[in-house]
């Protein structure tokens, strides 16, 4: 059950349905300050949260699949186990977020990596893959050479952070 709590931990809204997502989207549209909000396990798939102030928010386990977070302030937000597949983080402020790696815009596509279920995932444009899947998918495409370099960068930073890297059969040989 997802809940929206105020800064003192008092429940403002609790529901297991999409009503929580709709309430949050309405709050963002009304320019509510959601800094520090507890959005643990919230269902926010496809939510339009552009420019939202989610600084320090607890988004642990939140489903942010395909959420539009362009220009959102996610400074020090907790994104542990958050599902960011297909999320648009273009221009999002990610300072202090240690569970997301900003990879810039290789070959013109916004790209980032994050930790999901112990494995480093990458998002490049609309494609969400493990690093191994990404290498296989983009290998040999001359117009995606920067993407391959971004995957190398994601792997290097993820390794430094101790994240799991799923290896392809070719990588193991």
C-alpha atoms as a PDB file:
ATOM      1  CA  UNK A   1       0.000   0.000   0.000  1.00  0.00           C
ATOM      2  CA  UNK A   2       1.471   3.321  -1.048  1.00  0.00           C
ATOM      3  CA  UNK A   3       1.258   6.289   1.266  1.00  0.00           C
ATOM      4  CA  UNK A   4       1.994   9.987   1.069  1.00  0.00           C
ATOM      5  CA  UNK A   5       3.268  11.268   4.407  1.00  0.00           C
ATOM      6  CA  UNK A   6       3.942  14.797   5.586  1.00  0.00           C
ATOM      7  CA  UNK A   7       7.326  15.797   7.025  1.00  0.00           C
ATOM      8  CA  UNK A   8       6.302  14.635  10.510  1.00  0.00           C
ATOM      9  CA  UNK A   9       5.284  11.200   9.196  1.00  0.00           C
ATOM     10  CA  UNK A  10       1.523  11.816   9.384  1.00  0.00           C
ATOM     11  CA  UNK A  11      -0.325  10.040   6.575  1.00  0.00           C
ATOM     12  CA  UNK A  12      -1.799  12.491   4.092  1.00  0.00           C
ATOM     13  CA  UNK A  13      -3.008   9.910   1.620  1.00  0.00           C
ATOM     14  CA  UNK A  14      -2.940   6.127   1.580  1.00  0.00           C
ATOM     15  CA  UNK A  15      -4.263   3.868  -1.099  1.00  0.00           C
ATOM     16  CA  UNK A  16      -3.222   0.772  -3.010  1.00  0.00           C
ATOM     17  CA  UNK A  17      -4.705   2.038  -6.281  1.00  0.00           C
ATOM     18  CA  UNK A  18      -3.692   4.564  -8.904  1.00  0.00           C
ATOM     19  CA  UNK A  19      -5.407   7.268  -6.830  1.00  0.00           C
ATOM     20  CA  UNK A  20      -2.079   7.878  -5.062  1.00  0.00           C
ATOM     21  CA  UNK A  21      -0.381   8.478  -8.404  1.00  0.00           C
ATOM     22  CA  UNK A  22      -3.187  10.795  -9.500  1.00  0.00           C
ATOM     23  CA  UNK A  23      -3.034  12.710  -6.212  1.00  0.00           C
ATOM     24  CA  UNK A  24       0.726  13.130  -6.586  1.00  0.00           C
ATOM     25  CA  UNK A  25       0.409  14.307 -10.193  1.00  0.00           C
ATOM     26  CA  UNK A  26      -2.222  16.822  -9.078  1.00  0.00           C
ATOM     27  CA  UNK A  27       0.066  18.024  -6.280  1.00  0.00           C
ATOM     28  CA  UNK A  28       2.908  18.530  -8.753  1.00  0.00           C
ATOM     29  CA  UNK A  29       0.582  20.390 -11.133  1.00  0.00           C
ATOM     30  CA  UNK A  30      -0.375  22.657  -8.220  1.00  0.00           C
ATOM     31  CA  UNK A  31       3.365  23.243  -7.616  1.00  0.00           C
ATOM     32  CA  UNK A  32       3.349  21.458  -4.264  1.00  0.00           C
ATOM     33  CA  UNK A  33       6.768  21.076  -2.659  1.00  0.00           C
ATOM     34  CA  UNK A  34       7.316  17.333  -2.248  1.00  0.00           C
ATOM     35  CA  UNK A  35      10.822  17.658  -0.854  1.00  0.00           C
ATOM     36  CA  UNK A  36      11.311  14.981   1.788  1.00  0.00           C
ATOM     37  CA  UNK A  37       8.038  13.210   0.954  1.00  0.00           C
ATOM     38  CA  UNK A  38       7.799   9.509   1.787  1.00  0.00           C
ATOM     39  CA  UNK A  39       6.679   7.864  -1.466  1.00  0.00           C
ATOM     40  CA  UNK A  40       7.841   4.353  -0.617  1.00  0.00           C
ATOM     41  CA  UNK A  41       6.412   1.769  -3.060  1.00  0.00           C
ATOM     42  CA  UNK A  42       4.256   4.429  -4.762  1.00  0.00           C
ATOM     43  CA  UNK A  43       2.854   3.497  -8.173  1.00  0.00           C
ATOM     44  CA  UNK A  44       3.965   6.410 -10.353  1.00  0.00           C
ATOM     45  CA  UNK A  45       4.204   4.697 -13.737  1.00  0.00           C
ATOM     46  CA  UNK A  46       3.558   7.149 -16.597  1.00  0.00           C
ATOM     47  CA  UNK A  47       3.189  10.039 -14.121  1.00  0.00           C
ATOM     48  CA  UNK A  48       3.987  13.512 -15.442  1.00  0.00           C
ATOM     49  CA  UNK A  49       6.293  14.955 -12.772  1.00  0.00           C
ATOM     50  CA  UNK A  50       8.270  17.476 -14.825  1.00  0.00           C
ATOM     51  CA  UNK A  51       9.927  20.077 -12.624  1.00  0.00           C
ATOM     52  CA  UNK A  52       8.743  18.433  -9.394  1.00  0.00           C
ATOM     53  CA  UNK A  53      10.720  19.190  -6.231  1.00  0.00           C
ATOM     54  CA  UNK A  54      11.422  15.703  -4.890  1.00  0.00           C
ATOM     55  CA  UNK A  55      14.647  16.668  -3.118  1.00  0.00           C
ATOM     56  CA  UNK A  56      15.291  14.212  -0.306  1.00  0.00           C
ATOM     57  CA  UNK A  57      12.103  12.287  -1.084  1.00  0.00           C
ATOM     58  CA  UNK A  58      12.005   8.591  -0.192  1.00  0.00           C
ATOM     59  CA  UNK A  59      11.154   6.821  -3.452  1.00  0.00           C
ATOM     60  CA  UNK A  60      12.286   3.398  -2.234  1.00  0.00           C
ATOM     61  CA  UNK A  61      10.636   0.746  -4.381  1.00  0.00           C
ATOM     62  CA  UNK A  62       8.547   3.307  -6.269  1.00  0.00           C
ATOM     63  CA  UNK A  63       7.407   2.322  -9.748  1.00  0.00           C
ATOM     64  CA  UNK A  64       8.557   5.204 -11.948  1.00  0.00           C
ATOM     65  CA  UNK A  65       8.286   3.262 -15.208  1.00  0.00           C
ATOM     66  CA  UNK A  66       7.954   5.751 -18.075  1.00  0.00           C
ATOM     67  CA  UNK A  67       7.451   8.608 -15.577  1.00  0.00           C
ATOM     68  CA  UNK A  68       8.270  12.038 -16.993  1.00  0.00           C
ATOM     69  CA  UNK A  69      10.763  13.543 -14.550  1.00  0.00           C
ATOM     70  CA  UNK A  70      12.406  16.097 -16.837  1.00  0.00           C
ATOM     71  CA  UNK A  71      13.869  18.972 -14.804  1.00  0.00           C
ATOM     72  CA  UNK A  72      12.738  17.325 -11.542  1.00  0.00           C
ATOM     73  CA  UNK A  73      14.852  18.050  -8.468  1.00  0.00           C
ATOM     74  CA  UNK A  74      15.885  14.658  -7.103  1.00  0.00           C
ATOM     75  CA  UNK A  75      18.764  15.941  -4.961  1.00  0.00           C
ATOM     76  CA  UNK A  76      19.528  13.322  -2.279  1.00  0.00           C
ATOM     77  CA  UNK A  77      16.343  11.394  -3.135  1.00  0.00           C
ATOM     78  CA  UNK A  78      16.370   7.744  -2.071  1.00  0.00           C
ATOM     79  CA  UNK A  79      15.803   5.689  -5.235  1.00  0.00           C
ATOM     80  CA  UNK A  80      16.657   2.293  -3.711  1.00  0.00           C
ATOM     81  CA  UNK A  81      14.851  -0.442  -5.714  1.00  0.00           C
ATOM     82  CA  UNK A  82      12.947   2.221  -7.697  1.00  0.00           C
ATOM     83  CA  UNK A  83      11.959   1.079 -11.179  1.00  0.00           C
ATOM     84  CA  UNK A  84      13.170   3.766 -13.589  1.00  0.00           C
ATOM     85  CA  UNK A  85      12.681   1.778 -16.807  1.00  0.00           C
ATOM     86  CA  UNK A  86      11.708   4.202 -19.535  1.00  0.00           C
ATOM     87  CA  UNK A  87      11.637   7.185 -17.152  1.00  0.00           C
ATOM     88  CA  UNK A  88      12.589  10.526 -18.690  1.00  0.00           C
ATOM     89  CA  UNK A  89      15.224  12.157 -16.468  1.00  0.00           C
ATOM     90  CA  UNK A  90      16.345  14.705 -19.089  1.00  0.00           C
ATOM     91  CA  UNK A  91      17.646  17.719 -17.218  1.00  0.00           C
ATOM     92  CA  UNK A  92      16.717  16.246 -13.831  1.00  0.00           C
ATOM     93  CA  UNK A  93      18.887  17.462 -10.961  1.00  0.00           C
ATOM     94  CA  UNK A  94      20.494  14.335  -9.504  1.00  0.00           C
ATOM     95  CA  UNK A  95      23.125  15.764  -7.122  1.00  0.00           C
ATOM     96  CA  UNK A  96      23.747  13.428  -4.212  1.00  0.00           C
ATOM     97  CA  UNK A  97      21.702  10.589  -5.699  1.00  0.00           C
ATOM     98  CA  UNK A  98      24.088   7.685  -5.371  1.00  0.00           C
ATOM     99  CA  UNK A  99      21.828   5.128  -7.022  1.00  0.00           C
ATOM    100  CA  UNK A 100      21.717   6.823 -10.436  1.00  0.00           C
ATOM    101  CA  UNK A 101      24.607   7.447 -12.831  1.00  0.00           C
ATOM    102  CA  UNK A 102      24.060  10.321 -15.275  1.00  0.00           C
ATOM    103  CA  UNK A 103      25.600   9.293 -18.612  1.00  0.00           C
ATOM    104  CA  UNK A 104      24.831  12.512 -20.477  1.00  0.00           C
ATOM    105  CA  UNK A 105      23.450  12.351 -24.014  1.00  0.00           C
ATOM    106  CA  UNK A 106      25.550   9.898 -26.048  1.00  0.00           C
ATOM    107  CA  UNK A 107      24.648  10.134 -29.738  1.00  0.00           C
ATOM    108  CA  UNK A 108      21.971  12.648 -28.715  1.00  0.00           C
ATOM    109  CA  UNK A 109      20.005  10.316 -26.440  1.00  0.00           C
ATOM    110  CA  UNK A 110      19.524  11.027 -22.701  1.00  0.00           C
ATOM    111  CA  UNK A 111      21.177   8.185 -20.805  1.00  0.00           C
ATOM    112  CA  UNK A 112      21.580   7.047 -17.226  1.00  0.00           C
ATOM    113  CA  UNK A 113      22.182   3.900 -15.221  1.00  0.00           C
ATOM    114  CA  UNK A 114      20.650   2.750 -11.962  1.00  0.00           C
ATOM    115  CA  UNK A 115      20.656  -0.212  -9.621  1.00  0.00           C
ATOM    116  CA  UNK A 116      17.609  -2.512  -9.802  1.00  0.00           C
ATOM    117  CA  UNK A 117      17.383  -5.782  -7.907  1.00  0.00           C
ATOM    118  CA  UNK A 118      21.167  -5.877  -7.513  1.00  0.00           C
ATOM    119  CA  UNK A 119      21.904  -5.396 -11.240  1.00  0.00           C
ATOM    120  CA  UNK A 120      23.026  -2.252 -13.041  1.00  0.00           C
ATOM    121  CA  UNK A 121      20.429  -1.186 -15.625  1.00  0.00           C
ATOM    122  CA  UNK A 122      20.947   1.419 -18.336  1.00  0.00           C
ATOM    123  CA  UNK A 123      18.423   3.646 -20.030  1.00  0.00           C
ATOM    124  CA  UNK A 124      19.399   5.200 -23.367  1.00  0.00           C
ATOM    125  CA  UNK A 125      16.583   7.063 -25.059  1.00  0.00           C
ATOM    126  CA  UNK A 126      13.580   4.754 -24.782  1.00  0.00           C
ATOM    127  CA  UNK A 127      15.643   1.548 -24.378  1.00  0.00           C
ATOM    128  CA  UNK A 128      16.107  -0.018 -20.946  1.00  0.00           C
ATOM    129  CA  UNK A 129      18.608  -2.891 -20.715  1.00  0.00           C
ATOM    130  CA  UNK A 130      21.302  -4.473 -18.600  1.00  0.00           C
ATOM    131  CA  UNK A 131      24.801  -3.428 -19.658  1.00  0.00           C
ATOM    132  CA  UNK A 132      25.346  -6.810 -21.346  1.00  0.00           C
ATOM    133  CA  UNK A 133      22.038  -6.557 -23.224  1.00  0.00           C
ATOM    134  CA  UNK A 134      22.915  -2.997 -24.240  1.00  0.00           C
ATOM    135  CA  UNK A 135      26.294  -3.996 -25.615  1.00  0.00           C
ATOM    136  CA  UNK A 136      24.669  -6.739 -27.656  1.00  0.00           C
ATOM    137  CA  UNK A 137      21.901  -4.456 -28.908  1.00  0.00           C
ATOM    138  CA  UNK A 138      24.075  -1.440 -29.866  1.00  0.00           C
ATOM    139  CA  UNK A 139      27.207  -3.336 -31.029  1.00  0.00           C
ATOM    140  CA  UNK A 140      28.042  -2.742 -34.690  1.00  0.00           C
ATOM    141  CA  UNK A 141      25.785   0.311 -35.062  1.00  0.00           C
ATOM    142  CA  UNK A 142      28.021   3.148 -36.283  1.00  0.00           C
ATOM    143  CA  UNK A 143      25.500   5.772 -35.172  1.00  0.00           C
ATOM    144  CA  UNK A 144      25.612   4.429 -31.576  1.00  0.00           C
ATOM    145  CA  UNK A 145      29.366   4.359 -30.884  1.00  0.00           C
ATOM    146  CA  UNK A 146      29.007   6.976 -28.118  1.00  0.00           C
ATOM    147  CA  UNK A 147      26.348   4.795 -26.501  1.00  0.00           C
ATOM    148  CA  UNK A 148      28.869   1.941 -26.255  1.00  0.00           C
ATOM    149  CA  UNK A 149      31.342   4.292 -24.555  1.00  0.00           C
ATOM    150  CA  UNK A 150      28.567   5.356 -22.144  1.00  0.00           C
ATOM    151  CA  UNK A 151      27.983   1.679 -21.304  1.00  0.00           C
ATOM    152  CA  UNK A 152      31.699   1.341 -20.495  1.00  0.00           C
ATOM    153  CA  UNK A 153      31.421   4.388 -18.232  1.00  0.00           C
ATOM    154  CA  UNK A 154      28.302   3.013 -16.528  1.00  0.00           C
ATOM    155  CA  UNK A 155      30.065  -0.290 -15.897  1.00  0.00           C
ATOM    156  CA  UNK A 156      33.172   1.411 -14.479  1.00  0.00           C
ATOM    157  CA  UNK A 157      31.194   3.618 -12.071  1.00  0.00           C
ATOM    158  CA  UNK A 158      28.843   0.765 -11.104  1.00  0.00           C
ATOM    159  CA  UNK A 159      31.876  -1.432 -10.347  1.00  0.00           C
ATOM    160  CA  UNK A 160      33.380   1.322  -8.168  1.00  0.00           C
ATOM    161  CA  UNK A 161      30.082   1.496  -6.268  1.00  0.00           C
ATOM    162  CA  UNK A 162      29.985  -2.278  -5.814  1.00  0.00           C
ATOM    163  CA  UNK A 163      26.886  -2.776  -7.950  1.00  0.00           C
ATOM    164  CA  UNK A 164      26.250  -6.086  -9.663  1.00  0.00           C
ATOM    165  CA  UNK A 165      27.070  -6.249 -13.360  1.00  0.00           C
ATOM    166  CA  UNK A 166      25.225  -8.908 -15.335  1.00  0.00           C
ATOM    167  CA  UNK A 167      27.714 -10.540 -17.689  1.00  0.00           C
ATOM    168  CA  UNK A 168      26.870 -11.929 -21.106  1.00  0.00           C
ATOM    169  CA  UNK A 169      28.201 -15.317 -22.163  1.00  0.00           C
ATOM    170  CA  UNK A 170      30.664 -13.489 -24.456  1.00  0.00           C
ATOM    171  CA  UNK A 171      31.953 -11.338 -21.555  1.00  0.00           C
ATOM    172  CA  UNK A 172      32.651 -14.446 -19.429  1.00  0.00           C
ATOM    173  CA  UNK A 173      34.843 -16.114 -22.083  1.00  0.00           C
END
